[in-house]
Amino acid sequence: MNTKISKMQAEREKNVSKISELQARNKEIDGQITELENTDIVGLVRENGLTPEMLAQIIKAMQKKPLPVENVLTRGANYNERSDTHEEN
């Protein structure tokens, strides 16, 4: 067999292995991100004195009558600013 072909096949196998490792790591990272997001959400709910039932009612009400996009974006920006400030302390 041509040695160039063998070298290229070996390189390809090595690349496939690296890709698999990186995909597995990305899956771990995604799980960690989700866990941190969930923790942030729970903290926000508790900070505002809401019970899980109250949060469910708010979400259901928003599904029936969504907030205007501008309000959601503004509130999201304000939340991010509060989170950034909170993390620095």
Protein backbone atom coordinates (compact mmCIF):
# COMPACT_ATOMS: atom_id res chain seq x y z
CA MET A 1 0.00 0.00 0.00
CA ASN A 2 1.12 3.53 -0.69
CA THR A 3 2.81 4.99 2.42
CA LYS A 4 1.09 8.34 1.91
CA ILE A 5 -2.29 6.62 2.12
CA SER A 6 -1.28 4.85 5.33
CA LYS A 7 -0.08 8.10 6.89
CA MET A 8 -3.26 9.91 5.91
CA GLN A 9 -5.44 7.10 7.27
CA ALA A 10 -3.51 7.18 10.55
CA GLU A 11 -3.90 10.96 10.77
CA ARG A 12 -7.61 10.63 10.06
CA GLU A 13 -8.05 8.05 12.82
CA LYS A 14 -6.19 10.34 15.21
CA ASN A 15 -8.47 13.22 14.24
CA VAL A 16 -11.59 11.10 14.75
CA SER A 17 -10.36 10.24 18.23
CA LYS A 18 -9.70 13.90 19.08
CA ILE A 19 -13.13 14.89 17.76
CA SER A 20 -14.80 12.24 19.92
CA GLU A 21 -12.94 13.47 23.00
CA LEU A 22 -13.89 17.08 22.28
CA GLN A 23 -17.53 16.17 21.71
CA ALA A 24 -17.60 14.33 25.03
CA ARG A 25 -16.05 17.33 26.77
CA ASN A 26 -18.58 19.67 25.14
CA LYS A 27 -21.37 17.46 26.46
CA GLU A 28 -19.91 17.75 29.97
CA ILE A 29 -19.61 21.53 29.60
CA ASP A 30 -23.21 21.77 28.39
CA GLY A 31 -24.35 19.89 31.49
CA GLN A 32 -22.36 22.20 33.75
CA ILE A 33 -23.79 25.27 32.02
CA THR A 34 -27.34 23.94 32.46
CA GLU A 35 -26.66 23.22 36.13
CA LEU A 36 -25.35 26.76 36.70
CA GLU A 37 -28.29 28.29 34.83
CA ASN A 38 -30.70 26.25 36.95
CA THR A 39 -28.94 27.40 40.12
CA ASP A 40 -29.24 31.02 38.96
CA ILE A 41 -32.95 30.57 38.27
CA VAL A 42 -33.59 28.97 41.66
CA GLY A 43 -31.67 31.80 43.33
CA LEU A 44 -33.70 34.42 41.49
CA VAL A 45 -36.96 32.71 42.47
CA ARG A 46 -35.94 32.48 46.13
CA GLU A 47 -34.58 36.03 46.14
CA ASN A 48 -38.03 37.24 45.12
CA GLY A 49 -39.82 35.08 47.69
CA LEU A 50 -41.60 32.91 45.14
CA THR A 51 -42.69 29.34 45.69
CA PRO A 52 -42.44 26.81 42.86
CA GLU A 53 -46.23 27.01 42.55
CA MET A 54 -46.10 30.80 42.18
CA LEU A 55 -43.41 30.50 39.51
CA ALA A 56 -45.53 27.96 37.64
CA GLN A 57 -48.51 30.34 37.76
CA ILE A 58 -46.38 33.21 36.44
CA ILE A 59 -45.08 31.09 33.57
CA LYS A 60 -48.60 29.91 32.69
CA ALA A 61 -49.88 33.49 32.75
CA MET A 62 -47.03 34.60 30.50
CA GLN A 63 -47.82 31.83 28.04
CA LYS A 64 -51.40 33.09 27.79
CA LYS A 65 -50.39 36.75 27.52
CA PRO A 66 -46.68 37.16 26.72
CA LEU A 67 -44.85 40.30 27.74
CA PRO A 68 -43.82 42.65 24.95
CA VAL A 69 -40.36 41.75 23.68
CA GLU A 70 -38.89 45.11 24.73
CA ASN A 71 -39.80 44.47 28.38
CA VAL A 72 -38.31 40.99 28.35
CA LEU A 73 -35.07 42.21 26.79
CA THR A 74 -34.79 45.13 29.20
CA ARG A 75 -35.46 42.95 32.21
CA GLY A 76 -32.96 40.37 30.96
CA ALA A 77 -30.30 43.06 30.64
CA ASN A 78 -31.08 44.33 34.14
CA TYR A 79 -30.88 40.79 35.52
CA ASN A 80 -27.51 40.23 33.87
CA GLU A 81 -26.20 43.48 35.33
CA ARG A 82 -27.38 42.44 38.80
CA SER A 83 -25.82 39.01 38.38
CA ASP A 84 -22.50 40.49 37.29
CA THR A 85 -22.51 42.86 40.25
CA HIS A 86 -23.53 40.08 42.64
CA GLU A 87 -20.73 37.77 41.46
CA GLU A 88 -18.08 40.43 42.05
CA ASN A 89 -19.03 40.76 45.74
